[in-house]
C-alpha atoms as a PDB file:
ATOM      1  CA  MET A   1      -0.070  -0.093   0.068  1.00  0.00           C
ATOM      2  CA  SER A   2       1.644   3.283  -0.958  1.00  0.00           C
ATOM      3  CA  SER A   3       1.681   6.222   1.384  1.00  0.00           C
ATOM      4  CA  GLU A   4      -0.619   8.611  -1.655  1.00  0.00           C
ATOM      5  CA  ASP A   5      -3.479   5.220  -0.998  1.00  0.00           C
ATOM      6  CA  ILE A   6      -3.085   5.285   3.284  1.00  0.00           C
ATOM      7  CA  ILE A   7      -3.492   9.109   2.874  1.00  0.00           C
ATOM      8  CA  LEU A   8      -6.838   8.280   1.120  1.00  0.00           C
ATOM      9  CA  ARG A   9      -8.353   5.960   2.700  1.00  0.00           C
ATOM     10  CA  LEU A  10      -7.912   7.822   5.957  1.00  0.00           C
ATOM     11  CA  ILE A  11      -9.663  10.534   4.214  1.00  0.00           C
ATOM     12  CA  LYS A  12     -12.175   8.595   3.101  1.00  0.00           C
ATOM     13  CA  PHE A  13     -12.906   7.060   6.604  1.00  0.00           C
ATOM     14  CA  VAL A  14     -13.201  10.309   8.089  1.00  0.00           C
ATOM     15  CA  SER A  15     -16.108  11.873   5.292  1.00  0.00           C
ATOM     16  CA  GLU A  16     -17.770   8.453   5.752  1.00  0.00           C
ATOM     17  CA  THR A  17     -17.769   7.816   9.532  1.00  0.00           C
ATOM     18  CA  GLY A  18     -17.229  11.934  10.887  1.00  0.00           C
ATOM     19  CA  ARG A  19     -14.732  11.000  13.263  1.00  0.00           C
ATOM     20  CA  LEU A  20     -11.308  10.139  13.058  1.00  0.00           C
ATOM     21  CA  PRO A  21      -9.758   6.656  13.575  1.00  0.00           C
ATOM     22  CA  GLU A  22      -9.307   4.685  16.595  1.00  0.00           C
ATOM     23  CA  PRO A  23      -5.786   3.425  16.578  1.00  0.00           C
ATOM     24  CA  ASP A  24      -7.270  -0.264  17.363  1.00  0.00           C
ATOM     25  CA  GLU A  25     -10.179   0.572  14.732  1.00  0.00           C
ATOM     26  CA  PRO A  26     -11.801  -2.408  14.063  1.00  0.00           C
ATOM     27  CA  GLY A  27     -11.773  -3.716  10.527  1.00  0.00           C
ATOM     28  CA  LEU A  28      -8.615  -0.571   9.748  1.00  0.00           C
ATOM     29  CA  GLU A  29      -5.968  -2.679  10.618  1.00  0.00           C
ATOM     30  CA  ASN A  30      -4.413  -3.512   7.509  1.00  0.00           C
ATOM     31  CA  LEU A  31      -4.652   0.312   6.864  1.00  0.00           C
ATOM     32  CA  LEU A  32      -3.119   1.113  10.763  1.00  0.00           C
ATOM     33  CA  ASN A  33      -0.653  -1.086  10.032  1.00  0.00           C
ATOM     34  CA  ALA A  34       0.638   0.832   7.422  1.00  0.00           C
ATOM     35  CA  ALA A  35       0.166   4.126   8.567  1.00  0.00           C
ATOM     36  CA  ASN A  36       2.530   3.409  11.511  1.00  0.00           C
ATOM     37  CA  LYS A  37       5.157   1.505   8.807  1.00  0.00           C
ATOM     38  CA  HIS A  38       4.912   4.679   6.355  1.00  0.00           C
ATOM     39  CA  PHE A  39       4.769   7.132   8.850  1.00  0.00           C
ATOM     40  CA  GLY A  40       5.617   5.948  12.137  1.00  0.00           C
ATOM     41  CA  SER A  41       2.413   6.172  14.129  1.00  0.00           C
ATOM     42  CA  LEU A  42      -1.169   6.792  13.405  1.00  0.00           C
ATOM     43  CA  GLU A  43      -0.616  10.405  14.562  1.00  0.00           C
ATOM     44  CA  ASN A  44       1.881  11.471  12.119  1.00  0.00           C
ATOM     45  CA  ALA A  45      -0.384   9.668   9.297  1.00  0.00           C
ATOM     46  CA  LEU A  46      -3.162  12.258  10.222  1.00  0.00           C
ATOM     47  CA  LYS A  47      -1.023  15.135  10.181  1.00  0.00           C
ATOM     48  CA  ILE A  48       0.001  14.567   6.992  1.00  0.00           C
ATOM     49  CA  ALA A  49      -3.607  13.983   5.645  1.00  0.00           C
ATOM     50  CA  GLY A  50      -4.839  17.824   6.987  1.00  0.00           C
ATOM     51  CA  LEU A  51      -7.037  15.984   9.928  1.00  0.00           C
ATOM     52  CA  LEU A  52      -4.922  16.399  12.752  1.00  0.00           C
ATOM     53  CA  THR A  53      -3.138  19.340  14.156  1.00  0.00           C
ATOM     54  CA  SER A  54      -0.898  19.086  17.059  1.00  0.00           C
ATOM     55  CA  ASN A  55      -3.494  21.533  18.838  1.00  0.00           C
ATOM     56  CA  ALA A  56      -5.617  19.203  21.117  1.00  0.00           C
ATOM     57  CA  LYS A  57      -8.293  22.073  20.581  1.00  0.00           C
ATOM     58  CA  ASN A  58      -7.995  21.980  16.979  1.00  0.00           C
ATOM     59  CA  THR A  59      -7.971  18.224  16.912  1.00  0.00           C
ATOM     60  CA  HIS A  60     -11.229  18.348  19.008  1.00  0.00           C
ATOM     61  CA  ARG A  61     -12.583  20.960  16.157  1.00  0.00           C
ATOM     62  CA  VAL A  62     -11.907  18.450  12.921  1.00  0.00           C
ATOM     63  CA  ARG A  63     -13.258  15.746  14.758  1.00  0.00           C
ATOM     64  CA  ARG A  64     -16.388  17.464  15.130  1.00  0.00           C
ATOM     65  CA  GLN A  65     -16.399  19.187  11.549  1.00  0.00           C
ATOM     66  CA  PRO A  66     -14.432  16.362   9.122  1.00  0.00           C
ATOM     67  CA  SER A  67     -16.356  17.310   6.048  1.00  0.00           C
ATOM     68  CA  VAL A  68     -14.634  20.927   6.090  1.00  0.00           C
ATOM     69  CA  VAL A  69     -11.168  19.098   6.851  1.00  0.00           C
ATOM     70  CA  HIS A  70     -12.134  16.676   3.609  1.00  0.00           C
ATOM     71  CA  ALA A  71     -13.085  19.663   0.949  1.00  0.00           C
ATOM     72  CA  GLN A  72     -10.093  21.222   2.253  1.00  0.00           C
ATOM     73  CA  THR A  73      -7.819  18.745   1.846  1.00  0.00           C
ATOM     74  CA  SER A  74     -10.012  16.118  -1.142  1.00  0.00           C
ATOM     75  CA  LYS A  75      -8.411  18.591  -4.256  1.00  0.00           C
ATOM     76  CA  THR A  76      -4.786  18.140  -3.110  1.00  0.00           C
ATOM     77  CA  ALA A  77      -5.088  14.399  -1.920  1.00  0.00           C
ATOM     78  CA  THR A  78      -6.609  13.841  -5.711  1.00  0.00           C
ATOM     79  CA  TRP A  79      -3.615  15.543  -7.212  1.00  0.00           C
ATOM     80  CA  SER A  80      -1.540  13.732  -5.567  1.00  0.00           C
ATOM     81  CA  ALA A  81      -2.955  10.266  -6.438  1.00  0.00           C
ATOM     82  CA  TYR A  82      -1.946  10.698 -10.050  1.00  0.00           C
ATOM     83  CA  PRO A  83       2.012   9.688 -10.611  1.00  0.00           C
ATOM     84  CA  LYS A  84       4.418  12.074 -12.527  1.00  0.00           C
ATOM     85  CA  ASP A  85       3.498  12.738 -16.531  1.00  0.00           C
ATOM     86  CA  TYR A  86       0.157  10.383 -16.084  1.00  0.00           C
ATOM     87  CA  PHE A  87      -2.204  12.245 -18.063  1.00  0.00           C
ATOM     88  CA  LEU A  88       0.414  12.822 -20.489  1.00  0.00           C
ATOM     89  CA  ASN A  89       0.378   8.523 -20.808  1.00  0.00           C
ATOM     90  CA  LEU A  90      -3.278   8.328 -20.913  1.00  0.00           C
ATOM     91  CA  LEU A  91      -3.320  11.094 -23.433  1.00  0.00           C
ATOM     92  CA  ASN A  92      -0.692   9.800 -25.757  1.00  0.00           C
ATOM     93  CA  LEU A  93       1.032  13.122 -26.055  1.00  0.00           C
ATOM     94  CA  THR A  94       4.373  13.954 -26.522  1.00  0.00           C
ATOM     95  CA  ARG A  95       6.300  14.937 -23.305  1.00  0.00           C
ATOM     96  CA  THR A  96       9.920  15.816 -25.075  1.00  0.00           C
ATOM     97  CA  SER A  97      11.826  16.125 -28.290  1.00  0.00           C
ATOM     98  CA  HIS A  98      13.000  13.039 -29.305  1.00  0.00           C
ATOM     99  CA  TYR A  99      16.629  12.098 -27.796  1.00  0.00           C
ATOM    100  CA  GLY A 100      19.473  11.422 -30.110  1.00  0.00           C
ATOM    101  CA  SER A 101      18.346  13.453 -32.848  1.00  0.00           C
ATOM    102  CA  PRO A 102      16.167  16.699 -33.602  1.00  0.00           C
ATOM    103  CA  ALA A 103      12.024  16.627 -33.412  1.00  0.00           C
ATOM    104  CA  PRO A 104      10.921  17.237 -36.595  1.00  0.00           C
ATOM    105  CA  ASP A 105      10.096  20.957 -37.072  1.00  0.00           C
ATOM    106  CA  GLY A 106       6.805  22.096 -35.928  1.00  0.00           C
ATOM    107  CA  THR A 107       6.630  19.127 -34.002  1.00  0.00           C
ATOM    108  CA  PRO A 108       4.644  20.254 -30.442  1.00  0.00           C
ATOM    109  CA  THR A 109       6.173  19.582 -27.100  1.00  0.00           C
ATOM    110  CA  TRP A 110       3.687  18.796 -24.194  1.00  0.00           C
ATOM    111  CA  TRP A 111       4.293  18.973 -20.757  1.00  0.00           C
ATOM    112  CA  GLU A 112       2.595  18.231 -17.380  1.00  0.00           C
ATOM    113  CA  ARG A 113       2.808  20.279 -14.238  1.00  0.00           C
ATOM    114  CA  ARG A 114       1.180  22.245 -11.094  1.00  0.00           C
ATOM    115  CA  ALA A 115       0.734  25.707 -12.070  1.00  0.00           C
ATOM    116  CA  ASN A 116       2.767  28.163 -10.196  1.00  0.00           C
ATOM    117  CA  ALA A 117       0.676  31.077 -11.529  1.00  0.00           C
ATOM    118  CA  GLU A 118      -2.818  31.423 -13.245  1.00  0.00           C
ATOM    119  CA  TYR A 119      -3.214  30.505 -17.066  1.00  0.00           C
ATOM    120  CA  GLN A 120      -5.772  30.904 -18.825  1.00  0.00           C
ATOM    121  CA  CYS A 121      -7.267  27.492 -20.461  1.00  0.00           C
ATOM    122  CA  SER A 122      -6.864  27.534 -24.502  1.00  0.00           C
ATOM    123  CA  THR A 123     -10.096  25.407 -24.758  1.00  0.00           C
ATOM    124  CA  CYS A 124     -13.031  26.579 -22.032  1.00  0.00           C
ATOM    125  CA  ASN A 125     -11.313  29.891 -21.473  1.00  0.00           C
ATOM    126  CA  GLN A 126     -11.283  29.840 -18.035  1.00  0.00           C
ATOM    127  CA  THR A 127      -8.490  30.217 -15.583  1.00  0.00           C
ATOM    128  CA  ILE A 128      -6.113  27.406 -14.519  1.00  0.00           C
ATOM    129  CA  GLU A 129      -6.043  27.924 -10.405  1.00  0.00           C
ATOM    130  CA  LYS A 130      -2.505  28.173  -8.858  1.00  0.00           C
ATOM    131  CA  GLY A 131      -1.536  24.681  -7.383  1.00  0.00           C
ATOM    132  CA  GLU A 132      -4.083  22.643 -10.123  1.00  0.00           C
ATOM    133  CA  ARG A 133      -2.056  20.443 -12.641  1.00  0.00           C
ATOM    134  CA  TYR A 134      -2.389  21.598 -15.850  1.00  0.00           C
ATOM    135  CA  LEU A 135      -1.254  20.450 -19.394  1.00  0.00           C
ATOM    136  CA  ALA A 136       0.767  22.516 -21.647  1.00  0.00           C
ATOM    137  CA  ARG A 137       1.482  22.154 -25.178  1.00  0.00           C
ATOM    138  CA  ARG A 138       4.658  24.517 -27.414  1.00  0.00           C
ATOM    139  CA  LYS A 139       4.300  24.422 -30.943  1.00  0.00           C
ATOM    140  CA  LEU A 140       7.096  26.007 -33.518  1.00  0.00           C
ATOM    141  CA  ARG A 141       4.894  28.246 -36.116  1.00  0.00           C
ATOM    142  CA  PRO A 142       7.269  27.473 -39.308  1.00  0.00           C
ATOM    143  CA  GLY A 143       8.824  30.561 -40.200  1.00  0.00           C
ATOM    144  CA  MET A 144      11.863  29.714 -42.943  1.00  0.00           C
ATOM    145  CA  ARG A 145      15.464  28.198 -42.587  1.00  0.00           C
ATOM    146  CA  GLY A 146      18.178  30.811 -41.956  1.00  0.00           C
ATOM    147  CA  ILE A 147      22.587  30.447 -41.349  1.00  0.00           C
ATOM    148  CA  TYR A 148      21.903  30.121 -37.801  1.00  0.00           C
ATOM    149  CA  GLY A 149      19.092  27.346 -38.126  1.00  0.00           C
ATOM    150  CA  TYR A 150      14.943  26.924 -38.266  1.00  0.00           C
ATOM    151  CA  ARG A 151      13.352  30.468 -37.697  1.00  0.00           C
ATOM    152  CA  GLY A 152      10.202  30.569 -36.465  1.00  0.00           C
ATOM    153  CA  THR A 153       7.820  31.486 -33.475  1.00  0.00           C
ATOM    154  CA  TYR A 154       7.134  29.667 -30.786  1.00  0.00           C
ATOM    155  CA  SER A 155       3.051  29.655 -28.960  1.00  0.00           C
ATOM    156  CA  THR A 156       2.482  27.916 -26.081  1.00  0.00           C
ATOM    157  CA  ASP A 157      -1.168  26.928 -24.802  1.00  0.00           C
ATOM    158  CA  TYR A 158      -2.422  25.689 -21.320  1.00  0.00           C
ATOM    159  CA  TYR A 159      -5.030  23.431 -21.388  1.00  0.00           C
ATOM    160  CA  HIS A 160      -7.320  22.042 -18.005  1.00  0.00           C
ATOM    161  CA  ILE A 161      -7.127  18.300 -17.698  1.00  0.00           C
ATOM    162  CA  VAL A 162      -9.953  17.654 -17.626  1.00  0.00           C
ATOM    163  CA  CYS A 163     -10.911  19.744 -20.646  1.00  0.00           C
ATOM    164  CA  LEU A 164      -8.587  17.968 -23.010  1.00  0.00           C
ATOM    165  CA  LEU A 165      -9.666  14.379 -21.274  1.00  0.00           C
ATOM    166  CA  ARG A 166     -13.411  15.619 -22.414  1.00  0.00           C
ATOM    167  CA  LYS A 167     -11.921  16.040 -25.646  1.00  0.00           C
ATOM    168  CA  ALA A 168     -10.454  12.873 -26.204  1.00  0.00           C
ATOM    169  CA  LYS A 169     -13.850  11.403 -24.722  1.00  0.00           C
ATOM    170  CA  ALA A 170     -15.613  12.818 -27.399  1.00  0.00           C
ATOM    171  CA  GLU A 171     -13.033  11.748 -30.245  1.00  0.00           C
ATOM    172  CA  ILE A 172     -13.225   8.333 -28.846  1.00  0.00           C
ATOM    173  CA  GLU A 173     -16.866   8.427 -28.790  1.00  0.00           C
ATOM    174  CA  LYS A 174     -16.798   9.660 -32.326  1.00  0.00           C
ATOM    175  CA  ASN A 175     -14.771   6.873 -33.764  1.00  0.00           C
ATOM    176  CA  ILE A 176     -16.484   4.008 -31.805  1.00  0.00           C
ATOM    177  CA  THR A 177     -19.825   5.849 -34.029  1.00  0.00           C
ATOM    178  CA  ALA A 178     -17.823   5.714 -36.898  1.00  0.00           C
ATOM    179  CA  ALA A 179     -16.384   2.078 -36.403  1.00  0.00           C
ATOM    180  CA  ASN A 180     -19.848   0.870 -35.698  1.00  0.00           C
ATOM    181  CA  SER A 181     -20.950   2.415 -38.693  1.00  0.00           C
ATOM    182  CA  GLU A 182     -18.332   0.835 -41.346  1.00  0.00           C
ATOM    183  CA  ILE A 183     -19.552  -2.658 -39.772  1.00  0.00           C
ATOM    184  CA  ASN A 184     -22.694  -1.878 -40.337  1.00  0.00           C
ATOM    185  CA  GLY A 185     -22.206  -1.359 -43.953  1.00  0.00           C
ATOM    186  CA  ILE A 186     -19.653  -3.992 -44.393  1.00  0.00           C
ATOM    187  CA  LYS A 187     -22.482  -6.303 -42.867  1.00  0.00           C
ATOM    188  CA  GLY A 188     -25.025  -5.244 -45.466  1.00  0.00           C
ATOM    189  CA  GLN A 189     -22.056  -5.621 -48.327  1.00  0.00           C
ATOM    190  CA  ILE A 190     -21.767  -9.556 -47.070  1.00  0.00           C
ATOM    191  CA  ALA A 191     -25.553  -9.569 -47.560  1.00  0.00           C
ATOM    192  CA  ASP A 192     -25.693  -8.725 -50.674  1.00  0.00           C
ATOM    193  CA  PHE A 193     -22.749 -10.878 -51.776  1.00  0.00           C
ATOM    194  CA  THR A 194     -24.898 -13.515 -50.164  1.00  0.00           C
ATOM    195  CA  LYS A 195     -27.779 -13.007 -52.047  1.00  0.00           C
ATOM    196  CA  GLU A 196     -25.596 -12.692 -55.532  1.00  0.00           C
ATOM    197  CA  ILE A 197     -24.613 -16.464 -54.886  1.00  0.00           C
ATOM    198  CA  SER A 198     -27.654 -17.664 -53.969  1.00  0.00           C
ATOM    199  CA  LEU A 199     -29.152 -16.128 -57.156  1.00  0.00           C
ATOM    200  CA  LYS A 200     -25.937 -17.536 -58.946  1.00  0.00           C
ATOM    201  CA  ARG A 201     -26.727 -20.960 -57.860  1.00  0.00           C
ATOM    202  CA  VAL A 202     -29.890 -20.743 -58.964  1.00  0.00           C
ATOM    203  CA  GLN A 203     -28.665 -19.822 -62.432  1.00  0.00           C
ATOM    204  CA  ILE A 204     -26.283 -22.608 -62.891  1.00  0.00           C
ATOM    205  CA  GLY A 205     -28.931 -24.841 -61.508  1.00  0.00           C
ATOM    206  CA  GLU A 206     -31.346 -24.054 -64.711  1.00  0.00           C
ATOM    207  CA  CYS A 207     -28.319 -24.572 -66.874  1.00  0.00           C
ATOM    208  CA  GLN A 208     -27.885 -27.592 -65.909  1.00  0.00           C
ATOM    209  CA  SER A 209     -31.465 -28.421 -66.068  1.00  0.00           C
ATOM    210  CA  LEU A 210     -31.074 -27.517 -69.574  1.00  0.00           C
ATOM    211  CA  ILE A 211     -28.094 -29.352 -70.806  1.00  0.00           C
ATOM    212  CA  GLN A 212     -30.369 -32.879 -69.610  1.00  0.00           C
ATOM    213  CA  GLN A 213     -33.494 -31.485 -71.444  1.00  0.00           C
ATOM    214  CA  VAL A 214     -30.644 -31.654 -74.717  1.00  0.00           C
ATOM    215  CA  LYS A 215     -28.875 -34.348 -74.114  1.00  0.00           C
ATOM    216  CA  GLU A 216     -32.149 -36.177 -73.512  1.00  0.00           C
ATOM    217  CA  ASP A 217     -33.874 -34.506 -76.531  1.00  0.00           C
ATOM    218  CA  TYR A 218     -30.721 -35.864 -78.650  1.00  0.00           C
ATOM    219  CA  ALA A 219     -31.031 -39.371 -77.103  1.00  0.00           C
ATOM    220  CA  GLN A 220     -34.518 -39.767 -78.349  1.00  0.00           C
ATOM    221  CA  ARG A 221     -33.984 -38.469 -81.885  1.00  0.00           C
ATOM    222  CA  ASP A 222     -33.311 -41.230 -84.718  1.00  0.00           C
ATOM    223  CA  PHE A 223     -29.797 -41.238 -87.259  1.00  0.00           C
ATOM    224  CA  TRP A 224     -30.738 -38.806 -89.012  1.00  0.00           C
ATOM    225  CA  GLY A 225     -31.808 -36.700 -86.546  1.00  0.00           C
ATOM    226  CA  LYS A 226     -29.209 -36.646 -84.174  1.00  0.00           C
ATOM    227  CA  VAL A 227     -27.105 -35.908 -87.519  1.00  0.00           C
ATOM    228  CA  ARG A 228     -29.569 -32.993 -87.287  1.00  0.00           C
ATOM    229  CA  LYS A 229     -29.011 -31.855 -84.169  1.00  0.00           C
ATOM    230  CA  TRP A 230     -25.502 -32.766 -83.730  1.00  0.00           C
ATOM    231  CA  PHE A 231     -23.775 -29.614 -83.818  1.00  0.00           C
ATOM    232  CA  GLY A 232     -26.638 -27.341 -82.088  1.00  0.00           C
ATOM    233  CA  SER A 233     -26.903 -29.402 -78.641  1.00  0.00           C
ATOM    234  CA  ARG A 234     -23.014 -29.674 -78.850  1.00  0.00           C
ATOM    235  CA  TYR A 235     -23.079 -26.241 -78.652  1.00  0.00           C
ATOM    236  CA  THR A 236     -25.790 -26.054 -76.166  1.00  0.00           C
ATOM    237  CA  MET A 237     -23.786 -27.922 -73.237  1.00  0.00           C
ATOM    238  CA  TRP A 238     -20.730 -26.619 -74.169  1.00  0.00           C
ATOM    239  CA  SER A 239     -22.138 -22.753 -73.741  1.00  0.00           C
ATOM    240  CA  LYS A 240     -24.068 -23.461 -71.155  1.00  0.00           C
ATOM    241  CA  ASN A 241     -20.649 -25.839 -69.312  1.00  0.00           C
ATOM    242  CA  ARG A 242     -19.020 -22.657 -69.540  1.00  0.00           C
ATOM    243  CA  GLU A 243     -21.660 -20.584 -67.814  1.00  0.00           C
ATOM    244  CA  ILE A 244     -21.255 -22.792 -65.135  1.00  0.00           C
ATOM    245  CA  SER A 245     -17.592 -22.413 -64.824  1.00  0.00           C
ATOM    246  CA  ARG A 246     -17.763 -18.906 -64.906  1.00  0.00           C
ATOM    247  CA  LEU A 247     -20.841 -18.720 -62.000  1.00  0.00           C
ATOM    248  CA  GLU A 248     -18.791 -21.117 -60.172  1.00  0.00           C
ATOM    249  CA  GLY A 249     -15.790 -19.527 -60.431  1.00  0.00           C
ATOM    250  CA  GLU A 250     -17.594 -15.895 -59.273  1.00  0.00           C
ATOM    251  CA  ILE A 251     -19.165 -17.801 -56.543  1.00  0.00           C
ATOM    252  CA  ALA A 252     -15.832 -19.554 -55.186  1.00  0.00           C
ATOM    253  CA  HIS A 253     -14.700 -15.868 -55.285  1.00  0.00           C
ATOM    254  CA  MET A 254     -17.039 -13.924 -53.355  1.00  0.00           C
ATOM    255  CA  GLN A 255     -16.944 -16.957 -50.987  1.00  0.00           C
ATOM    256  CA  ASN A 256     -13.032 -17.275 -50.477  1.00  0.00           C
ATOM    257  CA  GLU A 257     -12.221 -13.607 -51.268  1.00  0.00           C
ATOM    258  CA  GLU A 258     -14.249 -10.796 -51.018  1.00  0.00           C
ATOM    259  CA  ILE A 259     -16.637 -12.188 -47.966  1.00  0.00           C
ATOM    260  CA  PRO A 260     -13.360 -13.770 -45.703  1.00  0.00           C
ATOM    261  CA  GLU A 261     -11.638  -9.975 -46.355  1.00  0.00           C
ATOM    262  CA  ARG A 262     -14.722  -8.382 -45.476  1.00  0.00           C
ATOM    263  CA  GLU A 263     -15.196 -10.559 -42.083  1.00  0.00           C
ATOM    264  CA  THR A 264     -11.392  -9.339 -41.165  1.00  0.00           C
ATOM    265  CA  ARG A 265     -12.438  -6.063 -41.586  1.00  0.00           C
ATOM    266  CA  ILE A 266     -15.071  -6.738 -39.254  1.00  0.00           C
ATOM    267  CA  SER A 267     -13.183  -8.364 -36.569  1.00  0.00           C
ATOM    268  CA  GLN A 268     -10.516  -5.682 -36.629  1.00  0.00           C
ATOM    269  CA  LEU A 269     -12.795  -3.093 -36.242  1.00  0.00           C
ATOM    270  CA  ARG A 270     -14.266  -4.993 -33.646  1.00  0.00           C
ATOM    271  CA  ARG A 271     -11.278  -4.821 -31.887  1.00  0.00           C
ATOM    272  CA  ARG A 272     -10.687  -1.381 -32.236  1.00  0.00           C
ATOM    273  CA  ILE A 273     -14.319  -1.020 -30.746  1.00  0.00           C
ATOM    274  CA  ASN A 274     -13.080  -2.433 -27.627  1.00  0.00           C
ATOM    275  CA  ASP A 275      -9.442  -0.889 -27.245  1.00  0.00           C
ATOM    276  CA  LEU A 276     -11.449   2.402 -27.658  1.00  0.00           C
ATOM    277  CA  GLU A 277     -14.075   1.467 -24.697  1.00  0.00           C
ATOM    278  CA  ARG A 278     -11.123   0.220 -22.831  1.00  0.00           C
ATOM    279  CA  LYS A 279      -9.582   4.139 -23.443  1.00  0.00           C
ATOM    280  CA  LEU A 280     -12.839   4.949 -22.557  1.00  0.00           C
ATOM    281  CA  ASN A 281     -13.404   3.037 -19.357  1.00  0.00           C
ATOM    282  CA  GLU A 282     -10.383   5.245 -18.135  1.00  0.00           C
ATOM    283  CA  ILE A 283     -10.787   8.213 -19.076  1.00  0.00           C
ATOM    284  CA  ASP A 284     -14.454   8.555 -17.559  1.00  0.00           C
ATOM    285  CA  PRO A 285     -13.715   7.590 -14.230  1.00  0.00           C
ATOM    286  CA  ARG A 286     -11.013  10.371 -14.209  1.00  0.00           C
ATOM    287  CA  ILE A 287     -13.221  13.261 -15.259  1.00  0.00           C
ATOM    288  CA  GLN A 288     -15.741  12.534 -12.287  1.00  0.00           C
ATOM    289  CA  GLU A 289     -13.021  11.998 -10.055  1.00  0.00           C
ATOM    290  CA  ILE A 290     -11.368  15.748 -11.508  1.00  0.00           C
ATOM    291  CA  VAL A 291     -15.291  17.251 -11.523  1.00  0.00           C
ATOM    292  CA  SER A 292     -15.878  15.890  -8.192  1.00  0.00           C
ATOM    293  CA  CYS A 293     -12.386  17.431  -6.572  1.00  0.00           C
ATOM    294  CA  GLN A 294     -13.732  20.934  -8.698  1.00  0.00           C
ATOM    295  CA  GLN A 295     -17.305  20.989  -6.964  1.00  0.00           C
ATOM    296  CA  ALA A 296     -15.836  20.211  -3.466  1.00  0.00           C
END
């Protein structure tokens, strides 16, 4: 159990029960042991969490108003629960230029920090408060290459993390909708191929029936009748067998290439949808936690 987990669990206990935990609190043995191991004592852990002061009078006040303390400390605790560059990795943003070789001209550089001053968010135009974690991007607006290197103008944009998370969520939902739409379109194509295969099989059956009729008619003729019908019957059977071969080739092409290619594409799209949904399930809780922290 990390120190951040211990602090968050102590804050959660105080917010739910309205009191500080006792040294022998039932059900919290693991948490209390971890607090003693990481901070030396439960009292030190409560002080670091902002739930206890060295003054007994203040301690009594904290016991009576845990919700106020929780409102003051939850925002800091929520941000501290995320490791360094957590949101950069979650949003797949470039942290720095490439090591060993310069980044291509115009490649933006991202960073994640805690604000030491107030900034304006480039998405919502609201203020990024001091102490709040934010994301920033510096991008080179191309100019012209000169003797001293590539010239241009750098611009820096600042963003609320929740704004970029919402933007990423909207983009993911858009991609999921597009993938589902493509799947439905491909399923329609497969249905058309299946219908076309059935029609071609009916045509093959008609050709086979006509060949059988020609054979039977030829067999029933006398010698001179067979002589007169020989060329016509042979030509009819040859042309119909050729048509059957063409139809069978088209059916095999649709069954072995056209339909499998589309089924493979559907499988790829479904895997992509699963990946996007996993990403969405990771982003949604972060948005809710940050919004709840801001409201508190």
